[in-house]
Amino acid sequence: MKKSFLALVLLSSVFLTQAQNEKTALEKVIGEKTLPSVTLANINGKNVNVADYGKSGKVTVLSFWATWCVPCKKELTNMADLYEEWKKKYNVQIVAVSIDDSRSSTKVKPTVEGQRWEYEVLLDVNQDLKRQLNIQSVPFTVVVDANGKIAFTHSGYVDGDEYILEEELQKLVKN
């Protein structure tokens, strides 16, 4: 019994140490990493270099989503309700990045227009930006500070996460 307990404690400490090291490595990347130079088309066909958002002097929220992702659309709709206020308070711009492939990307513009989202919307049909940022699934949010550094990332969405995002925006404005 003692050997089993000792083995369990030892194994647990190894996993906790590994998890802490992974968290520390992620924290080192956040704050140092900038947006990659990837050119994507917006929904009107204009090419945009994503790295330019990091040079705008504004806080930028990149929200990765897809037309088939219900939580993604819920997140973008809830952020839309706060967007005007956020622009004034935090000098923020939101960019919705669709990861729909070439078959489903034709649904993006009608979805955006139907929801009346007033964001810049980019099409990452080959998932180049998603890959560059090592994003595994959507919804996924990346916040870039006014100096172009990635300051915060968040995976998934449940109602209310937009207020956690707002807390992160507040921190960036205070610094």
C-alpha atoms as a PDB file:
ATOM      1  CA  MET A   1       0.000   0.000   0.000  1.00  0.00           C
ATOM      2  CA  LYS A   2       2.801   2.403   0.927  1.00  0.00           C
ATOM      3  CA  LYS A   3       4.645   1.656  -2.332  1.00  0.00           C
ATOM      4  CA  SER A   4       1.494   2.320  -4.377  1.00  0.00           C
ATOM      5  CA  PHE A   5       0.858   5.578  -2.557  1.00  0.00           C
ATOM      6  CA  LEU A   6       4.486   6.665  -2.981  1.00  0.00           C
ATOM      7  CA  ALA A   7       4.403   5.782  -6.677  1.00  0.00           C
ATOM      8  CA  LEU A   8       1.176   7.771  -7.098  1.00  0.00           C
ATOM      9  CA  VAL A   9       2.658  10.813  -5.347  1.00  0.00           C
ATOM     10  CA  LEU A  10       5.834  10.601  -7.419  1.00  0.00           C
ATOM     11  CA  LEU A  11       3.911  10.229 -10.678  1.00  0.00           C
ATOM     12  CA  SER A  12       1.624  13.137  -9.770  1.00  0.00           C
ATOM     13  CA  SER A  13       4.570  15.411  -9.042  1.00  0.00           C
ATOM     14  CA  VAL A  14       6.161  14.534 -12.402  1.00  0.00           C
ATOM     15  CA  PHE A  15       2.936  15.432 -14.255  1.00  0.00           C
ATOM     16  CA  LEU A  16       2.483  18.659 -12.275  1.00  0.00           C
ATOM     17  CA  THR A  17       6.075  19.694 -12.955  1.00  0.00           C
ATOM     18  CA  GLN A  18       5.658  18.956 -16.672  1.00  0.00           C
ATOM     19  CA  ALA A  19       2.380  20.912 -16.808  1.00  0.00           C
ATOM     20  CA  GLN A  20       4.004  23.873 -15.022  1.00  0.00           C
ATOM     21  CA  ASN A  21       6.960  23.799 -17.436  1.00  0.00           C
ATOM     22  CA  GLU A  22       4.586  23.792 -20.434  1.00  0.00           C
ATOM     23  CA  LYS A  23       2.636  26.702 -18.933  1.00  0.00           C
ATOM     24  CA  THR A  24       5.866  28.610 -18.311  1.00  0.00           C
ATOM     25  CA  ALA A  25       6.991  27.977 -21.899  1.00  0.00           C
ATOM     26  CA  LEU A  26       3.658  29.298 -23.191  1.00  0.00           C
ATOM     27  CA  GLU A  27       3.924  32.362 -20.964  1.00  0.00           C
ATOM     28  CA  LYS A  28       7.395  33.036 -22.388  1.00  0.00           C
ATOM     29  CA  VAL A  29       6.012  32.984 -25.926  1.00  0.00           C
ATOM     30  CA  ILE A  30       3.128  35.279 -25.031  1.00  0.00           C
ATOM     31  CA  GLY A  31       4.511  38.799 -24.826  1.00  0.00           C
ATOM     32  CA  GLU A  32       7.448  38.046 -27.114  1.00  0.00           C
ATOM     33  CA  LYS A  33       5.761  36.659 -30.193  1.00  0.00           C
ATOM     34  CA  THR A  34       4.349  38.911 -32.874  1.00  0.00           C
ATOM     35  CA  LEU A  35       1.870  38.209 -35.633  1.00  0.00           C
ATOM     36  CA  PRO A  36       3.402  36.357 -38.565  1.00  0.00           C
ATOM     37  CA  SER A  37       3.596  37.858 -42.017  1.00  0.00           C
ATOM     38  CA  VAL A  38       0.763  35.973 -43.701  1.00  0.00           C
ATOM     39  CA  THR A  39      -1.343  37.442 -46.502  1.00  0.00           C
ATOM     40  CA  LEU A  40      -5.051  36.626 -46.409  1.00  0.00           C
ATOM     41  CA  ALA A  41      -7.980  37.969 -48.396  1.00  0.00           C
ATOM     42  CA  ASN A  42     -10.800  39.764 -46.641  1.00  0.00           C
ATOM     43  CA  ILE A  43     -14.417  38.966 -47.559  1.00  0.00           C
ATOM     44  CA  ASN A  44     -14.303  41.606 -50.299  1.00  0.00           C
ATOM     45  CA  GLY A  45     -11.253  40.026 -51.947  1.00  0.00           C
ATOM     46  CA  LYS A  46      -8.663  42.570 -50.786  1.00  0.00           C
ATOM     47  CA  ASN A  47      -5.341  41.070 -49.654  1.00  0.00           C
ATOM     48  CA  VAL A  48      -4.222  41.935 -46.129  1.00  0.00           C
ATOM     49  CA  ASN A  49      -0.916  41.156 -44.411  1.00  0.00           C
ATOM     50  CA  VAL A  50      -1.856  40.010 -40.914  1.00  0.00           C
ATOM     51  CA  ALA A  51       1.422  41.349 -39.450  1.00  0.00           C
ATOM     52  CA  ASP A  52       0.188  44.877 -40.255  1.00  0.00           C
ATOM     53  CA  TYR A  53      -2.432  44.622 -37.486  1.00  0.00           C
ATOM     54  CA  GLY A  54       0.436  44.488 -35.016  1.00  0.00           C
ATOM     55  CA  LYS A  55       1.744  47.781 -36.400  1.00  0.00           C
ATOM     56  CA  SER A  56      -1.546  49.685 -36.183  1.00  0.00           C
ATOM     57  CA  GLY A  57      -0.977  51.099 -32.691  1.00  0.00           C
ATOM     58  CA  LYS A  58      -4.281  49.549 -31.618  1.00  0.00           C
ATOM     59  CA  VAL A  59      -5.026  46.542 -29.479  1.00  0.00           C
ATOM     60  CA  THR A  60      -6.132  43.830 -31.919  1.00  0.00           C
ATOM     61  CA  VAL A  61      -8.375  40.890 -31.135  1.00  0.00           C
ATOM     62  CA  LEU A  62      -8.155  38.070 -33.672  1.00  0.00           C
ATOM     63  CA  SER A  63     -11.099  35.726 -33.292  1.00  0.00           C
ATOM     64  CA  PHE A  64     -10.686  32.472 -35.197  1.00  0.00           C
ATOM     65  CA  TRP A  65     -14.003  30.934 -36.213  1.00  0.00           C
ATOM     66  CA  ALA A  66     -15.883  28.906 -38.826  1.00  0.00           C
ATOM     67  CA  THR A  67     -19.409  29.036 -40.215  1.00  0.00           C
ATOM     68  CA  TRP A  68     -20.092  25.521 -38.896  1.00  0.00           C
ATOM     69  CA  CYS A  69     -18.932  26.405 -35.343  1.00  0.00           C
ATOM     70  CA  VAL A  70     -21.884  27.426 -33.165  1.00  0.00           C
ATOM     71  CA  PRO A  71     -19.785  28.635 -30.171  1.00  0.00           C
ATOM     72  CA  CYS A  72     -17.644  30.707 -32.570  1.00  0.00           C
ATOM     73  CA  LYS A  73     -20.651  32.559 -33.948  1.00  0.00           C
ATOM     74  CA  LYS A  74     -22.061  33.052 -30.442  1.00  0.00           C
ATOM     75  CA  GLU A  75     -18.751  34.558 -29.300  1.00  0.00           C
ATOM     76  CA  LEU A  76     -18.554  36.953 -32.248  1.00  0.00           C
ATOM     77  CA  THR A  77     -22.185  37.997 -31.752  1.00  0.00           C
ATOM     78  CA  ASN A  78     -21.629  38.662 -28.045  1.00  0.00           C
ATOM     79  CA  MET A  79     -18.458  40.632 -28.794  1.00  0.00           C
ATOM     80  CA  ALA A  80     -20.415  42.647 -31.394  1.00  0.00           C
ATOM     81  CA  ASP A  81     -22.683  43.874 -28.608  1.00  0.00           C
ATOM     82  CA  LEU A  82     -19.641  45.289 -26.787  1.00  0.00           C
ATOM     83  CA  TYR A  83     -17.552  46.360 -29.775  1.00  0.00           C
ATOM     84  CA  GLU A  84     -18.497  50.056 -29.951  1.00  0.00           C
ATOM     85  CA  GLU A  85     -17.808  50.475 -26.234  1.00  0.00           C
ATOM     86  CA  TRP A  86     -14.507  48.580 -26.510  1.00  0.00           C
ATOM     87  CA  LYS A  87     -13.337  50.753 -29.407  1.00  0.00           C
ATOM     88  CA  LYS A  88     -13.838  53.863 -27.289  1.00  0.00           C
ATOM     89  CA  LYS A  89     -12.455  52.487 -24.014  1.00  0.00           C
ATOM     90  CA  TYR A  90      -9.574  50.338 -25.240  1.00  0.00           C
ATOM     91  CA  ASN A  91      -8.759  51.510 -28.789  1.00  0.00           C
ATOM     92  CA  VAL A  92      -9.410  47.963 -29.969  1.00  0.00           C
ATOM     93  CA  GLN A  93     -10.048  46.466 -33.384  1.00  0.00           C
ATOM     94  CA  ILE A  94     -11.583  43.033 -33.811  1.00  0.00           C
ATOM     95  CA  VAL A  95     -10.639  40.878 -36.759  1.00  0.00           C
ATOM     96  CA  ALA A  96     -12.650  37.710 -37.339  1.00  0.00           C
ATOM     97  CA  VAL A  97     -10.553  35.074 -39.090  1.00  0.00           C
ATOM     98  CA  SER A  98     -12.596  32.371 -40.790  1.00  0.00           C
ATOM     99  CA  ILE A  99     -10.918  28.992 -41.153  1.00  0.00           C
ATOM    100  CA  ASP A 100     -13.612  27.708 -43.522  1.00  0.00           C
ATOM    101  CA  ASP A 101     -12.081  25.771 -46.406  1.00  0.00           C
ATOM    102  CA  SER A 102     -12.643  26.614 -50.066  1.00  0.00           C
ATOM    103  CA  ARG A 103     -15.933  24.649 -50.163  1.00  0.00           C
ATOM    104  CA  SER A 104     -17.554  26.333 -47.160  1.00  0.00           C
ATOM    105  CA  SER A 105     -15.911  29.769 -47.475  1.00  0.00           C
ATOM    106  CA  THR A 106     -18.755  30.877 -49.757  1.00  0.00           C
ATOM    107  CA  LYS A 107     -20.951  30.890 -46.624  1.00  0.00           C
ATOM    108  CA  VAL A 108     -18.737  33.376 -44.759  1.00  0.00           C
ATOM    109  CA  LYS A 109     -19.882  36.648 -46.342  1.00  0.00           C
ATOM    110  CA  PRO A 110     -23.628  35.836 -46.068  1.00  0.00           C
ATOM    111  CA  THR A 111     -23.091  34.802 -42.424  1.00  0.00           C
ATOM    112  CA  VAL A 112     -21.243  38.023 -41.601  1.00  0.00           C
ATOM    113  CA  GLU A 113     -23.833  40.179 -43.374  1.00  0.00           C
ATOM    114  CA  GLY A 114     -26.711  38.287 -41.749  1.00  0.00           C
ATOM    115  CA  GLN A 115     -25.213  38.786 -38.289  1.00  0.00           C
ATOM    116  CA  ARG A 116     -24.322  42.414 -39.095  1.00  0.00           C
ATOM    117  CA  TRP A 117     -20.841  41.987 -37.631  1.00  0.00           C
ATOM    118  CA  GLU A 118     -18.852  45.147 -38.215  1.00  0.00           C
ATOM    119  CA  TYR A 119     -15.472  43.488 -37.973  1.00  0.00           C
ATOM    120  CA  GLU A 120     -12.815  43.083 -40.574  1.00  0.00           C
ATOM    121  CA  VAL A 121     -13.241  39.470 -41.699  1.00  0.00           C
ATOM    122  CA  LEU A 122     -10.358  37.515 -43.183  1.00  0.00           C
ATOM    123  CA  LEU A 123     -10.457  34.174 -44.976  1.00  0.00           C
ATOM    124  CA  ASP A 124      -7.816  31.660 -43.927  1.00  0.00           C
ATOM    125  CA  VAL A 125      -9.004  28.983 -46.385  1.00  0.00           C
ATOM    126  CA  ASN A 126      -5.677  27.112 -46.376  1.00  0.00           C
ATOM    127  CA  GLN A 127      -5.336  27.623 -42.611  1.00  0.00           C
ATOM    128  CA  ASP A 128      -1.901  29.200 -43.054  1.00  0.00           C
ATOM    129  CA  LEU A 129      -2.346  31.699 -40.209  1.00  0.00           C
ATOM    130  CA  LYS A 130      -3.957  29.081 -37.988  1.00  0.00           C
ATOM    131  CA  ARG A 131      -0.919  26.832 -38.519  1.00  0.00           C
ATOM    132  CA  GLN A 132       1.589  29.671 -37.993  1.00  0.00           C
ATOM    133  CA  LEU A 133       0.009  30.448 -34.615  1.00  0.00           C
ATOM    134  CA  ASN A 134      -0.255  26.748 -33.724  1.00  0.00           C
ATOM    135  CA  ILE A 135      -4.011  26.919 -33.169  1.00  0.00           C
ATOM    136  CA  GLN A 136      -5.563  23.498 -32.731  1.00  0.00           C
ATOM    137  CA  SER A 137      -9.296  24.272 -32.771  1.00  0.00           C
ATOM    138  CA  VAL A 138     -11.866  27.048 -32.917  1.00  0.00           C
ATOM    139  CA  PRO A 139     -13.066  29.215 -31.368  1.00  0.00           C
ATOM    140  CA  PHE A 140      -9.664  30.640 -30.531  1.00  0.00           C
ATOM    141  CA  THR A 141      -8.860  34.219 -29.553  1.00  0.00           C
ATOM    142  CA  VAL A 142      -5.523  36.026 -29.838  1.00  0.00           C
ATOM    143  CA  VAL A 143      -5.021  39.494 -28.344  1.00  0.00           C
ATOM    144  CA  VAL A 144      -2.175  41.619 -29.686  1.00  0.00           C
ATOM    145  CA  ASP A 145      -1.137  44.681 -27.690  1.00  0.00           C
ATOM    146  CA  ALA A 146      -0.597  48.142 -29.185  1.00  0.00           C
ATOM    147  CA  ASN A 147       3.105  47.304 -29.625  1.00  0.00           C
ATOM    148  CA  GLY A 148       2.343  44.270 -31.775  1.00  0.00           C
ATOM    149  CA  LYS A 149       3.129  41.594 -29.171  1.00  0.00           C
ATOM    150  CA  ILE A 150       0.770  38.696 -28.495  1.00  0.00           C
ATOM    151  CA  ALA A 151      -0.484  39.431 -24.989  1.00  0.00           C
ATOM    152  CA  PHE A 152      -3.235  36.836 -24.438  1.00  0.00           C
ATOM    153  CA  THR A 153      -4.715  33.736 -26.016  1.00  0.00           C
ATOM    154  CA  HIS A 154      -7.875  31.810 -25.203  1.00  0.00           C
ATOM    155  CA  SER A 155      -9.275  28.557 -26.565  1.00  0.00           C
ATOM    156  CA  GLY A 156     -12.979  27.721 -26.595  1.00  0.00           C
ATOM    157  CA  TYR A 157     -16.016  29.776 -25.698  1.00  0.00           C
ATOM    158  CA  VAL A 158     -18.775  29.758 -23.118  1.00  0.00           C
ATOM    159  CA  ASP A 159     -21.196  32.606 -22.443  1.00  0.00           C
ATOM    160  CA  GLY A 160     -19.408  35.267 -20.440  1.00  0.00           C
ATOM    161  CA  ASP A 161     -15.913  34.689 -21.870  1.00  0.00           C
ATOM    162  CA  GLU A 162     -16.222  38.089 -23.550  1.00  0.00           C
ATOM    163  CA  TYR A 163     -15.978  39.645 -20.063  1.00  0.00           C
ATOM    164  CA  ILE A 164     -12.755  37.737 -19.383  1.00  0.00           C
ATOM    165  CA  LEU A 165     -11.521  39.148 -22.680  1.00  0.00           C
ATOM    166  CA  GLU A 166     -12.544  42.633 -21.556  1.00  0.00           C
ATOM    167  CA  GLU A 167     -10.513  42.193 -18.336  1.00  0.00           C
ATOM    168  CA  GLU A 168      -7.478  41.430 -20.503  1.00  0.00           C
ATOM    169  CA  LEU A 169      -8.164  44.548 -22.603  1.00  0.00           C
ATOM    170  CA  GLN A 170      -8.353  46.620 -19.402  1.00  0.00           C
ATOM    171  CA  LYS A 171      -4.953  45.294 -18.306  1.00  0.00           C
ATOM    172  CA  LEU A 172      -3.416  46.322 -21.628  1.00  0.00           C
ATOM    173  CA  VAL A 173      -4.778  49.855 -21.378  1.00  0.00           C
ATOM    174  CA  LYS A 174      -3.474  50.250 -17.807  1.00  0.00           C
ATOM    175  CA  ASN A 175       0.065  49.201 -18.788  1.00  0.00           C
END
